[in-house]
């Protein structure tokens, strides 16, 4: 399988950092020097994802063929997994992403330049297939990392997969090609350099998503309209798991029944904070799950509509025992 390899500065020494990657197309690095790597849906890869790596980690892809004259020929060079038994599990990503949200993942970028406005100090993600830029909200629970992800409402002209901060102006620049060999979002064209610029104007944003013992806390950079904020029907929450197998990708499976499909999650109540800028969604049976989809239909205190979609991966719920990894 694919690997992340550490090469010494003089080029004379290399060490394998982590393995189990199918078609990784980009990396990132956090302020604490931990690495992120994305991977793409396919065999032994239920969905696209971003992983936060640890030395010696295995991230899911199982080799199915060996090199040779008949490499990739029908049934030629194929590894017999009855004889070469695949691992029983793998290190879970911080975020899974459904195919319609990101069908070909690019690299990540930690943006810490304050000139980029309220979204500075967080991890960005790029999509080669969609031409979209996302921001992520990271969380660590008892040594288990997980995240939520939101797409910025900007369509790039090309499939972006490399992003950097320009030290001159503090803005984010991203480049790419036409997006997954032409199989990306319709309308993507060949090769552009994009600047994603903070204009200095206020924009209503979801700033943080945190999984708590009995629910999820959402923090915003604006005051919410009380009536819509405390109404549970304005928060549509679905969840599902993926199955890890040799098949190409995975269907979506309801966690409680194991049947194909998404599972609605009941939000028992919503509590609005005194400052009006955060809410707690009470979900007593919240549990580890590969994928949550949260759709918000809210209003700001000034009456402005606020509609947002958030995807989460929950590997650990604070204060609860760690369940079996849901994708096994």
C-alpha atoms as a PDB file:
ATOM      1  CA  UNK A   1       0.000   0.000   0.000  1.00  0.00           C
ATOM      2  CA  UNK A   2       0.961   3.650  -0.276  1.00  0.00           C
ATOM      3  CA  UNK A   3       3.100   5.130   2.457  1.00  0.00           C
ATOM      4  CA  UNK A   4       4.297   8.391   3.945  1.00  0.00           C
ATOM      5  CA  UNK A   5       8.092   8.355   3.895  1.00  0.00           C
ATOM      6  CA  UNK A   6      10.412  10.618   5.850  1.00  0.00           C
ATOM      7  CA  UNK A   7      13.585  11.570   3.955  1.00  0.00           C
ATOM      8  CA  UNK A   8      16.599  13.122   5.667  1.00  0.00           C
ATOM      9  CA  UNK A   9      17.695  16.609   4.621  1.00  0.00           C
ATOM     10  CA  UNK A  10      20.738  15.234   2.814  1.00  0.00           C
ATOM     11  CA  UNK A  11      18.627  12.681   0.952  1.00  0.00           C
ATOM     12  CA  UNK A  12      20.654   9.728   2.228  1.00  0.00           C
ATOM     13  CA  UNK A  13      18.192   8.225   4.698  1.00  0.00           C
ATOM     14  CA  UNK A  14      14.531   7.355   4.514  1.00  0.00           C
ATOM     15  CA  UNK A  15      12.106   5.868   7.005  1.00  0.00           C
ATOM     16  CA  UNK A  16       8.488   4.775   6.618  1.00  0.00           C
ATOM     17  CA  UNK A  17       6.286   6.976   8.778  1.00  0.00           C
ATOM     18  CA  UNK A  18       2.877   5.363   8.131  1.00  0.00           C
ATOM     19  CA  UNK A  19       1.140   3.136   5.579  1.00  0.00           C
ATOM     20  CA  UNK A  20      -2.250   2.122   4.194  1.00  0.00           C
ATOM     21  CA  UNK A  21      -2.940   4.852   1.624  1.00  0.00           C
ATOM     22  CA  UNK A  22      -4.752   4.204  -1.654  1.00  0.00           C
ATOM     23  CA  UNK A  23      -4.460   7.347  -3.803  1.00  0.00           C
ATOM     24  CA  UNK A  24      -3.339  10.155  -1.497  1.00  0.00           C
ATOM     25  CA  UNK A  25      -3.237  13.519  -3.241  1.00  0.00           C
ATOM     26  CA  UNK A  26      -1.975  15.967  -0.673  1.00  0.00           C
ATOM     27  CA  UNK A  27      -0.714  16.469   2.844  1.00  0.00           C
ATOM     28  CA  UNK A  28      -0.789  19.089   5.564  1.00  0.00           C
ATOM     29  CA  UNK A  29       1.042  19.855   8.779  1.00  0.00           C
ATOM     30  CA  UNK A  30      -0.321  21.151  12.090  1.00  0.00           C
ATOM     31  CA  UNK A  31       1.481  23.601  14.398  1.00  0.00           C
ATOM     32  CA  UNK A  32       2.571  20.652  16.578  1.00  0.00           C
ATOM     33  CA  UNK A  33       4.232  19.082  13.483  1.00  0.00           C
ATOM     34  CA  UNK A  34       1.683  16.278  13.139  1.00  0.00           C
ATOM     35  CA  UNK A  35       0.880  15.375   9.541  1.00  0.00           C
ATOM     36  CA  UNK A  36      -2.453  15.090   7.777  1.00  0.00           C
ATOM     37  CA  UNK A  37      -3.057  13.083   4.598  1.00  0.00           C
ATOM     38  CA  UNK A  38      -6.206  12.740   2.508  1.00  0.00           C
ATOM     39  CA  UNK A  39      -7.269   9.648   0.605  1.00  0.00           C
ATOM     40  CA  UNK A  40      -9.936   8.835  -1.947  1.00  0.00           C
ATOM     41  CA  UNK A  41     -12.843   6.420  -2.171  1.00  0.00           C
ATOM     42  CA  UNK A  42     -12.124   3.085  -3.839  1.00  0.00           C
ATOM     43  CA  UNK A  43     -11.222  -0.493  -2.983  1.00  0.00           C
ATOM     44  CA  UNK A  44     -10.501  -0.823   0.735  1.00  0.00           C
ATOM     45  CA  UNK A  45     -11.437   2.843   1.076  1.00  0.00           C
ATOM     46  CA  UNK A  46     -15.131   3.311   1.988  1.00  0.00           C
ATOM     47  CA  UNK A  47     -15.172   7.068   1.352  1.00  0.00           C
ATOM     48  CA  UNK A  48     -12.841  10.013   0.957  1.00  0.00           C
ATOM     49  CA  UNK A  49     -11.235  11.086   4.209  1.00  0.00           C
ATOM     50  CA  UNK A  50      -8.566  13.085   6.018  1.00  0.00           C
ATOM     51  CA  UNK A  51      -6.366  11.336   8.578  1.00  0.00           C
ATOM     52  CA  UNK A  52      -4.177  12.809  11.310  1.00  0.00           C
ATOM     53  CA  UNK A  53      -1.136  10.565  11.238  1.00  0.00           C
ATOM     54  CA  UNK A  54       0.876   8.876  13.930  1.00  0.00           C
ATOM     55  CA  UNK A  55       4.192   7.058  13.394  1.00  0.00           C
ATOM     56  CA  UNK A  56       3.567   3.431  12.490  1.00  0.00           C
ATOM     57  CA  UNK A  57      -0.100   4.023  11.730  1.00  0.00           C
ATOM     58  CA  UNK A  58      -2.054   1.949   9.188  1.00  0.00           C
ATOM     59  CA  UNK A  59      -4.812   3.851   7.389  1.00  0.00           C
ATOM     60  CA  UNK A  60      -6.893   1.252   5.643  1.00  0.00           C
ATOM     61  CA  UNK A  61      -5.792   0.474   2.105  1.00  0.00           C
ATOM     62  CA  UNK A  62      -4.887  -3.175   1.546  1.00  0.00           C
ATOM     63  CA  UNK A  63      -2.709  -4.069  -1.424  1.00  0.00           C
ATOM     64  CA  UNK A  64      -4.643  -6.179  -3.930  1.00  0.00           C
ATOM     65  CA  UNK A  65      -2.070  -6.687  -6.702  1.00  0.00           C
ATOM     66  CA  UNK A  66       1.651  -7.279  -6.995  1.00  0.00           C
ATOM     67  CA  UNK A  67       4.071  -5.881  -9.544  1.00  0.00           C
ATOM     68  CA  UNK A  68       5.010  -8.031 -12.501  1.00  0.00           C
ATOM     69  CA  UNK A  69       4.441  -8.574 -16.203  1.00  0.00           C
ATOM     70  CA  UNK A  70       0.747  -9.223 -15.637  1.00  0.00           C
ATOM     71  CA  UNK A  71       0.238  -6.297 -13.268  1.00  0.00           C
ATOM     72  CA  UNK A  72      -3.416  -5.138 -13.467  1.00  0.00           C
ATOM     73  CA  UNK A  73      -4.286  -7.891 -15.982  1.00  0.00           C
ATOM     74  CA  UNK A  74      -7.616  -9.593 -15.193  1.00  0.00           C
ATOM     75  CA  UNK A  75      -6.928 -11.802 -12.166  1.00  0.00           C
ATOM     76  CA  UNK A  76      -3.219 -11.573 -12.968  1.00  0.00           C
ATOM     77  CA  UNK A  77      -0.901 -10.655 -10.163  1.00  0.00           C
ATOM     78  CA  UNK A  78      -3.794 -10.586  -7.717  1.00  0.00           C
ATOM     79  CA  UNK A  79      -3.022 -11.209  -4.048  1.00  0.00           C
ATOM     80  CA  UNK A  80      -4.964 -14.076  -2.463  1.00  0.00           C
ATOM     81  CA  UNK A  81      -6.271 -12.553   0.775  1.00  0.00           C
ATOM     82  CA  UNK A  82      -7.109 -16.002   2.098  1.00  0.00           C
ATOM     83  CA  UNK A  83      -3.392 -16.628   2.201  1.00  0.00           C
ATOM     84  CA  UNK A  84      -2.215 -13.072   2.822  1.00  0.00           C
ATOM     85  CA  UNK A  85      -4.798 -12.053   5.417  1.00  0.00           C
ATOM     86  CA  UNK A  86      -5.586  -8.308   5.600  1.00  0.00           C
ATOM     87  CA  UNK A  87      -5.414  -6.503   8.953  1.00  0.00           C
ATOM     88  CA  UNK A  88      -8.529  -6.657  11.129  1.00  0.00           C
ATOM     89  CA  UNK A  89      -8.742  -2.906  11.624  1.00  0.00           C
ATOM     90  CA  UNK A  90      -7.091   0.411  10.794  1.00  0.00           C
ATOM     91  CA  UNK A  91      -6.509   3.827  12.320  1.00  0.00           C
ATOM     92  CA  UNK A  92      -9.638   5.919  11.908  1.00  0.00           C
ATOM     93  CA  UNK A  93      -9.557   9.285  10.104  1.00  0.00           C
ATOM     94  CA  UNK A  94     -10.479  12.549  11.743  1.00  0.00           C
ATOM     95  CA  UNK A  95     -13.126  13.070   9.071  1.00  0.00           C
ATOM     96  CA  UNK A  96     -14.956  10.954   6.499  1.00  0.00           C
ATOM     97  CA  UNK A  97     -16.653  12.727   3.592  1.00  0.00           C
ATOM     98  CA  UNK A  98     -19.467  11.434   1.347  1.00  0.00           C
ATOM     99  CA  UNK A  99     -18.831  11.292  -2.379  1.00  0.00           C
ATOM    100  CA  UNK A 100     -21.092  14.207  -3.304  1.00  0.00           C
ATOM    101  CA  UNK A 101     -19.243  16.420  -0.806  1.00  0.00           C
ATOM    102  CA  UNK A 102     -15.709  15.523  -1.915  1.00  0.00           C
ATOM    103  CA  UNK A 103     -15.133  12.916  -4.615  1.00  0.00           C
ATOM    104  CA  UNK A 104     -11.367  13.436  -4.963  1.00  0.00           C
ATOM    105  CA  UNK A 105      -9.535  14.929  -2.007  1.00  0.00           C
ATOM    106  CA  UNK A 106      -6.571  17.288  -2.226  1.00  0.00           C
ATOM    107  CA  UNK A 107      -4.130  18.581   0.357  1.00  0.00           C
ATOM    108  CA  UNK A 108      -4.585  20.463   3.607  1.00  0.00           C
ATOM    109  CA  UNK A 109      -3.285  23.792   4.894  1.00  0.00           C
ATOM    110  CA  UNK A 110      -3.017  25.180   8.418  1.00  0.00           C
ATOM    111  CA  UNK A 111      -3.859  28.875   8.165  1.00  0.00           C
ATOM    112  CA  UNK A 112      -2.592  30.917  11.118  1.00  0.00           C
ATOM    113  CA  UNK A 113      -2.209  34.374   9.585  1.00  0.00           C
ATOM    114  CA  UNK A 114      -4.638  36.740  11.321  1.00  0.00           C
ATOM    115  CA  UNK A 115      -5.004  38.711   8.089  1.00  0.00           C
ATOM    116  CA  UNK A 116      -7.253  35.895   6.850  1.00  0.00           C
ATOM    117  CA  UNK A 117      -9.908  36.932   9.335  1.00  0.00           C
ATOM    118  CA  UNK A 118     -12.135  34.825  11.609  1.00  0.00           C
ATOM    119  CA  UNK A 119     -11.246  31.524   9.937  1.00  0.00           C
ATOM    120  CA  UNK A 120      -7.537  31.820  10.693  1.00  0.00           C
ATOM    121  CA  UNK A 121      -6.130  29.350  13.214  1.00  0.00           C
ATOM    122  CA  UNK A 122      -7.659  26.242  11.678  1.00  0.00           C
ATOM    123  CA  UNK A 123      -7.102  23.492   9.123  1.00  0.00           C
ATOM    124  CA  UNK A 124      -8.279  23.967   5.535  1.00  0.00           C
ATOM    125  CA  UNK A 125      -8.972  21.152   3.070  1.00  0.00           C
ATOM    126  CA  UNK A 126      -9.099  21.195  -0.734  1.00  0.00           C
ATOM    127  CA  UNK A 127     -11.043  19.117  -3.247  1.00  0.00           C
ATOM    128  CA  UNK A 128      -9.438  18.159  -6.542  1.00  0.00           C
ATOM    129  CA  UNK A 129     -12.722  16.692  -7.771  1.00  0.00           C
ATOM    130  CA  UNK A 130     -15.080  19.477  -6.705  1.00  0.00           C
ATOM    131  CA  UNK A 131     -12.914  22.588  -6.832  1.00  0.00           C
ATOM    132  CA  UNK A 132     -14.010  23.545  -3.327  1.00  0.00           C
ATOM    133  CA  UNK A 133     -12.237  24.836  -0.232  1.00  0.00           C
ATOM    134  CA  UNK A 134     -13.346  23.690   3.218  1.00  0.00           C
ATOM    135  CA  UNK A 135     -12.498  24.585   6.802  1.00  0.00           C
ATOM    136  CA  UNK A 136     -12.243  22.010   9.549  1.00  0.00           C
ATOM    137  CA  UNK A 137     -12.919  22.146  13.286  1.00  0.00           C
ATOM    138  CA  UNK A 138     -10.656  19.766  15.186  1.00  0.00           C
ATOM    139  CA  UNK A 139     -11.325  18.058  18.508  1.00  0.00           C
ATOM    140  CA  UNK A 140      -9.326  15.665  20.682  1.00  0.00           C
ATOM    141  CA  UNK A 141     -11.139  13.454  23.190  1.00  0.00           C
ATOM    142  CA  UNK A 142      -9.011  11.283  25.477  1.00  0.00           C
ATOM    143  CA  UNK A 143      -6.341  10.897  22.807  1.00  0.00           C
ATOM    144  CA  UNK A 144      -8.825  10.282  19.987  1.00  0.00           C
ATOM    145  CA  UNK A 145      -8.906  12.896  17.219  1.00  0.00           C
ATOM    146  CA  UNK A 146     -12.013  13.837  15.248  1.00  0.00           C
ATOM    147  CA  UNK A 147     -13.339  16.754  13.258  1.00  0.00           C
ATOM    148  CA  UNK A 148     -16.214  18.561  11.621  1.00  0.00           C
ATOM    149  CA  UNK A 149     -15.980  20.129   8.173  1.00  0.00           C
ATOM    150  CA  UNK A 150     -17.802  22.941   6.339  1.00  0.00           C
ATOM    151  CA  UNK A 151     -17.548  23.956   2.682  1.00  0.00           C
ATOM    152  CA  UNK A 152     -16.890  27.599   1.908  1.00  0.00           C
ATOM    153  CA  UNK A 153     -19.465  29.029  -0.484  1.00  0.00           C
ATOM    154  CA  UNK A 154     -16.944  29.570  -3.277  1.00  0.00           C
ATOM    155  CA  UNK A 155     -16.578  27.588  -6.513  1.00  0.00           C
ATOM    156  CA  UNK A 156     -13.028  27.487  -7.870  1.00  0.00           C
ATOM    157  CA  UNK A 157     -12.600  27.298 -11.632  1.00  0.00           C
ATOM    158  CA  UNK A 158     -10.400  24.224 -11.375  1.00  0.00           C
ATOM    159  CA  UNK A 159      -9.907  21.219  -9.115  1.00  0.00           C
ATOM    160  CA  UNK A 160      -7.699  22.600  -6.335  1.00  0.00           C
ATOM    161  CA  UNK A 161      -5.330  20.370  -4.395  1.00  0.00           C
ATOM    162  CA  UNK A 162      -2.386  22.512  -3.234  1.00  0.00           C
ATOM    163  CA  UNK A 163      -2.861  25.567  -1.015  1.00  0.00           C
ATOM    164  CA  UNK A 164      -0.383  27.921   0.656  1.00  0.00           C
ATOM    165  CA  UNK A 165      -0.387  31.192   2.582  1.00  0.00           C
ATOM    166  CA  UNK A 166       1.330  34.090   0.846  1.00  0.00           C
ATOM    167  CA  UNK A 167       3.510  35.759   3.516  1.00  0.00           C
ATOM    168  CA  UNK A 168       3.228  39.077   1.678  1.00  0.00           C
ATOM    169  CA  UNK A 169      -0.534  39.516   1.971  1.00  0.00           C
ATOM    170  CA  UNK A 170      -1.517  36.718   4.387  1.00  0.00           C
ATOM    171  CA  UNK A 171      -4.112  35.295   1.992  1.00  0.00           C
ATOM    172  CA  UNK A 172      -4.649  31.715   0.802  1.00  0.00           C
ATOM    173  CA  UNK A 173      -3.583  30.739  -2.716  1.00  0.00           C
ATOM    174  CA  UNK A 174      -4.608  27.397  -4.246  1.00  0.00           C
ATOM    175  CA  UNK A 175      -3.754  25.686  -7.524  1.00  0.00           C
ATOM    176  CA  UNK A 176      -4.897  22.622  -9.397  1.00  0.00           C
ATOM    177  CA  UNK A 177      -5.904  20.997 -12.666  1.00  0.00           C
ATOM    178  CA  UNK A 178      -9.240  20.194 -14.251  1.00  0.00           C
ATOM    179  CA  UNK A 179     -10.304  17.921 -11.425  1.00  0.00           C
ATOM    180  CA  UNK A 180      -9.958  14.135 -11.306  1.00  0.00           C
ATOM    181  CA  UNK A 181      -9.178  13.630 -15.008  1.00  0.00           C
ATOM    182  CA  UNK A 182     -12.322  15.427 -16.074  1.00  0.00           C
ATOM    183  CA  UNK A 183     -14.615  13.497 -13.709  1.00  0.00           C
ATOM    184  CA  UNK A 184     -14.984  16.330 -11.215  1.00  0.00           C
ATOM    185  CA  UNK A 185     -17.646  18.972 -10.781  1.00  0.00           C
ATOM    186  CA  UNK A 186     -19.116  20.023 -14.121  1.00  0.00           C
ATOM    187  CA  UNK A 187     -17.554  23.180 -15.516  1.00  0.00           C
ATOM    188  CA  UNK A 188     -14.060  22.782 -14.080  1.00  0.00           C
ATOM    189  CA  UNK A 189     -11.360  23.931 -16.491  1.00  0.00           C
ATOM    190  CA  UNK A 190      -7.660  23.304 -16.871  1.00  0.00           C
ATOM    191  CA  UNK A 191      -5.175  24.876 -14.498  1.00  0.00           C
ATOM    192  CA  UNK A 192      -5.801  28.035 -12.463  1.00  0.00           C
ATOM    193  CA  UNK A 193      -4.227  29.846  -9.533  1.00  0.00           C
ATOM    194  CA  UNK A 194      -6.869  31.082  -7.093  1.00  0.00           C
ATOM    195  CA  UNK A 195      -6.632  33.616  -4.305  1.00  0.00           C
ATOM    196  CA  UNK A 196      -9.079  33.163  -1.430  1.00  0.00           C
ATOM    197  CA  UNK A 197      -9.101  36.609   0.152  1.00  0.00           C
ATOM    198  CA  UNK A 198     -10.537  37.953   3.398  1.00  0.00           C
ATOM    199  CA  UNK A 199     -12.272  41.200   2.450  1.00  0.00           C
ATOM    200  CA  UNK A 200     -12.539  42.567   5.978  1.00  0.00           C
ATOM    201  CA  UNK A 201     -16.322  42.507   5.798  1.00  0.00           C
ATOM    202  CA  UNK A 202     -18.351  40.561   8.348  1.00  0.00           C
ATOM    203  CA  UNK A 203     -19.693  37.173   7.298  1.00  0.00           C
ATOM    204  CA  UNK A 204     -21.888  35.003   9.496  1.00  0.00           C
ATOM    205  CA  UNK A 205     -19.979  31.807  10.216  1.00  0.00           C
ATOM    206  CA  UNK A 206     -20.101  28.642  12.260  1.00  0.00           C
ATOM    207  CA  UNK A 207     -16.777  28.806  14.112  1.00  0.00           C
ATOM    208  CA  UNK A 208     -16.688  25.644  16.188  1.00  0.00           C
ATOM    209  CA  UNK A 209     -18.406  22.275  16.497  1.00  0.00           C
ATOM    210  CA  UNK A 210     -17.721  20.264  19.648  1.00  0.00           C
ATOM    211  CA  UNK A 211     -18.999  16.812  20.586  1.00  0.00           C
ATOM    212  CA  UNK A 212     -19.934  16.713  24.281  1.00  0.00           C
ATOM    213  CA  UNK A 213     -21.196  14.028  26.639  1.00  0.00           C
ATOM    214  CA  UNK A 214     -24.866  14.316  25.706  1.00  0.00           C
ATOM    215  CA  UNK A 215     -24.856  16.276  22.493  1.00  0.00           C
ATOM    216  CA  UNK A 216     -23.146  18.786  20.230  1.00  0.00           C
ATOM    217  CA  UNK A 217     -22.217  22.410  20.886  1.00  0.00           C
ATOM    218  CA  UNK A 218     -22.178  24.897  17.999  1.00  0.00           C
ATOM    219  CA  UNK A 219     -20.485  28.289  18.290  1.00  0.00           C
ATOM    220  CA  UNK A 220     -21.069  31.149  15.861  1.00  0.00           C
ATOM    221  CA  UNK A 221     -19.554  34.588  15.300  1.00  0.00           C
ATOM    222  CA  UNK A 222     -22.936  36.313  15.426  1.00  0.00           C
ATOM    223  CA  UNK A 223     -26.015  36.451  17.634  1.00  0.00           C
ATOM    224  CA  UNK A 224     -28.791  34.040  16.769  1.00  0.00           C
ATOM    225  CA  UNK A 225     -32.497  34.713  16.552  1.00  0.00           C
ATOM    226  CA  UNK A 226     -33.906  33.117  19.702  1.00  0.00           C
ATOM    227  CA  UNK A 227     -37.075  31.649  18.198  1.00  0.00           C
ATOM    228  CA  UNK A 228     -35.367  29.736  15.397  1.00  0.00           C
ATOM    229  CA  UNK A 229     -32.306  28.837  17.485  1.00  0.00           C
ATOM    230  CA  UNK A 230     -34.216  26.915  20.166  1.00  0.00           C
ATOM    231  CA  UNK A 231     -36.458  25.026  17.736  1.00  0.00           C
ATOM    232  CA  UNK A 232     -35.078  21.460  17.264  1.00  0.00           C
ATOM    233  CA  UNK A 233     -36.773  21.173  13.864  1.00  0.00           C
ATOM    234  CA  UNK A 234     -34.287  23.714  12.490  1.00  0.00           C
ATOM    235  CA  UNK A 235     -31.480  21.198  12.976  1.00  0.00           C
ATOM    236  CA  UNK A 236     -31.766  18.167  10.683  1.00  0.00           C
ATOM    237  CA  UNK A 237     -29.327  15.487  11.821  1.00  0.00           C
ATOM    238  CA  UNK A 238     -28.591  12.204  10.008  1.00  0.00           C
ATOM    239  CA  UNK A 239     -25.936   9.580  10.652  1.00  0.00           C
ATOM    240  CA  UNK A 240     -24.483   6.497   9.007  1.00  0.00           C
ATOM    241  CA  UNK A 241     -21.518   4.150   8.961  1.00  0.00           C
ATOM    242  CA  UNK A 242     -19.378   2.831   6.126  1.00  0.00           C
ATOM    243  CA  UNK A 243     -18.169  -0.725   5.591  1.00  0.00           C
ATOM    244  CA  UNK A 244     -14.468  -1.381   5.058  1.00  0.00           C
ATOM    245  CA  UNK A 245     -13.983  -4.070   2.412  1.00  0.00           C
ATOM    246  CA  UNK A 246     -12.254  -4.900  -0.864  1.00  0.00           C
ATOM    247  CA  UNK A 247     -15.240  -3.459  -2.733  1.00  0.00           C
ATOM    248  CA  UNK A 248     -15.098  -0.053  -4.390  1.00  0.00           C
ATOM    249  CA  UNK A 249     -16.307   2.446  -1.805  1.00  0.00           C
ATOM    250  CA  UNK A 250     -19.196   1.723   0.533  1.00  0.00           C
ATOM    251  CA  UNK A 251     -22.910   2.202   0.829  1.00  0.00           C
ATOM    252  CA  UNK A 252     -24.281   4.088   3.821  1.00  0.00           C
ATOM    253  CA  UNK A 253     -25.504   1.953   6.728  1.00  0.00           C
ATOM    254  CA  UNK A 254     -27.807   2.899   9.592  1.00  0.00           C
ATOM    255  CA  UNK A 255     -25.796   2.372  12.822  1.00  0.00           C
ATOM    256  CA  UNK A 256     -28.627   0.876  14.885  1.00  0.00           C
ATOM    257  CA  UNK A 257     -29.999  -1.602  12.335  1.00  0.00           C
ATOM    258  CA  UNK A 258     -27.087  -2.166   9.969  1.00  0.00           C
ATOM    259  CA  UNK A 259     -29.468  -1.716   7.051  1.00  0.00           C
ATOM    260  CA  UNK A 260     -28.621   0.388   4.005  1.00  0.00           C
ATOM    261  CA  UNK A 261     -29.609   4.009   4.484  1.00  0.00           C
ATOM    262  CA  UNK A 262     -29.176   7.089   6.612  1.00  0.00           C
ATOM    263  CA  UNK A 263     -30.517   7.149  10.165  1.00  0.00           C
ATOM    264  CA  UNK A 264     -32.296  10.218  11.584  1.00  0.00           C
ATOM    265  CA  UNK A 265     -30.979  11.408  14.945  1.00  0.00           C
ATOM    266  CA  UNK A 266     -33.402  12.871  17.471  1.00  0.00           C
ATOM    267  CA  UNK A 267     -32.446  16.208  18.983  1.00  0.00           C
ATOM    268  CA  UNK A 268     -34.285  16.236  22.287  1.00  0.00           C
ATOM    269  CA  UNK A 269     -33.867  19.940  23.000  1.00  0.00           C
ATOM    270  CA  UNK A 270     -31.784  22.988  22.084  1.00  0.00           C
ATOM    271  CA  UNK A 271     -30.281  25.349  24.653  1.00  0.00           C
ATOM    272  CA  UNK A 272     -29.199  28.843  23.601  1.00  0.00           C
ATOM    273  CA  UNK A 273     -26.267  30.375  25.481  1.00  0.00           C
ATOM    274  CA  UNK A 274     -26.717  33.650  27.355  1.00  0.00           C
ATOM    275  CA  UNK A 275     -24.571  35.500  24.819  1.00  0.00           C
ATOM    276  CA  UNK A 276     -26.809  34.276  22.000  1.00  0.00           C
ATOM    277  CA  UNK A 277     -23.850  33.021  19.970  1.00  0.00           C
ATOM    278  CA  UNK A 278     -23.820  29.295  20.730  1.00  0.00           C
ATOM    279  CA  UNK A 279     -26.292  26.453  21.086  1.00  0.00           C
ATOM    280  CA  UNK A 280     -26.194  23.017  22.665  1.00  0.00           C
ATOM    281  CA  UNK A 281     -28.073  20.255  20.849  1.00  0.00           C
ATOM    282  CA  UNK A 282     -29.156  17.684  23.422  1.00  0.00           C
ATOM    283  CA  UNK A 283     -28.664  14.169  21.996  1.00  0.00           C
ATOM    284  CA  UNK A 284     -28.722  11.672  24.893  1.00  0.00           C
ATOM    285  CA  UNK A 285     -27.822   8.636  22.762  1.00  0.00           C
ATOM    286  CA  UNK A 286     -24.944  10.273  20.864  1.00  0.00           C
ATOM    287  CA  UNK A 287     -22.321   7.639  20.054  1.00  0.00           C
ATOM    288  CA  UNK A 288     -19.277   7.065  17.841  1.00  0.00           C
ATOM    289  CA  UNK A 289     -20.232   7.034  14.167  1.00  0.00           C
ATOM    290  CA  UNK A 290     -18.423   7.357  10.854  1.00  0.00           C
ATOM    291  CA  UNK A 291     -20.567  10.150   9.484  1.00  0.00           C
ATOM    292  CA  UNK A 292     -23.028  12.737  10.742  1.00  0.00           C
ATOM    293  CA  UNK A 293     -24.724  15.264   8.478  1.00  0.00           C
ATOM    294  CA  UNK A 294     -26.111  18.344  10.200  1.00  0.00           C
ATOM    295  CA  UNK A 295     -28.222  20.832   8.251  1.00  0.00           C
ATOM    296  CA  UNK A 296     -28.945  24.180   9.908  1.00  0.00           C
ATOM    297  CA  UNK A 297     -31.877  26.432   8.989  1.00  0.00           C
ATOM    298  CA  UNK A 298     -31.491  29.397  11.321  1.00  0.00           C
ATOM    299  CA  UNK A 299     -31.699  33.176  11.446  1.00  0.00           C
ATOM    300  CA  UNK A 300     -29.368  35.762  12.887  1.00  0.00           C
ATOM    301  CA  UNK A 301     -30.730  38.201  15.468  1.00  0.00           C
ATOM    302  CA  UNK A 302     -31.044  40.815  12.706  1.00  0.00           C
ATOM    303  CA  UNK A 303     -33.299  38.481  10.701  1.00  0.00           C
ATOM    304  CA  UNK A 304     -30.687  37.362   8.175  1.00  0.00           C
ATOM    305  CA  UNK A 305     -31.084  33.744   7.051  1.00  0.00           C
ATOM    306  CA  UNK A 306     -28.285  31.366   8.003  1.00  0.00           C
ATOM    307  CA  UNK A 307     -28.260  27.992   6.262  1.00  0.00           C
ATOM    308  CA  UNK A 308     -25.296  25.672   6.674  1.00  0.00           C
ATOM    309  CA  UNK A 309     -24.314  22.032   6.230  1.00  0.00           C
ATOM    310  CA  UNK A 310     -21.763  20.378   8.493  1.00  0.00           C
ATOM    311  CA  UNK A 311     -20.270  16.891   8.317  1.00  0.00           C
ATOM    312  CA  UNK A 312     -18.814  15.259  11.415  1.00  0.00           C
ATOM    313  CA  UNK A 313     -16.940  12.102  12.308  1.00  0.00           C
ATOM    314  CA  UNK A 314     -17.243  10.971  15.925  1.00  0.00           C
ATOM    315  CA  UNK A 315     -14.524   8.592  17.085  1.00  0.00           C
ATOM    316  CA  UNK A 316     -15.038   9.224  20.819  1.00  0.00           C
ATOM    317  CA  UNK A 317     -17.757  10.829  22.916  1.00  0.00           C
ATOM    318  CA  UNK A 318     -16.435  12.517  26.083  1.00  0.00           C
ATOM    319  CA  UNK A 319     -17.287  10.610  29.225  1.00  0.00           C
ATOM    320  CA  UNK A 320     -18.456   7.495  27.396  1.00  0.00           C
ATOM    321  CA  UNK A 321     -16.721   4.218  26.744  1.00  0.00           C
ATOM    322  CA  UNK A 322     -15.066   3.810  23.365  1.00  0.00           C
ATOM    323  CA  UNK A 323     -17.265   1.648  21.157  1.00  0.00           C
ATOM    324  CA  UNK A 324     -15.952  -0.743  18.544  1.00  0.00           C
ATOM    325  CA  UNK A 325     -14.694   1.213  15.573  1.00  0.00           C
ATOM    326  CA  UNK A 326     -17.805   1.635  13.421  1.00  0.00           C
ATOM    327  CA  UNK A 327     -16.226   0.899  10.058  1.00  0.00           C
ATOM    328  CA  UNK A 328     -15.009  -2.591  10.956  1.00  0.00           C
END
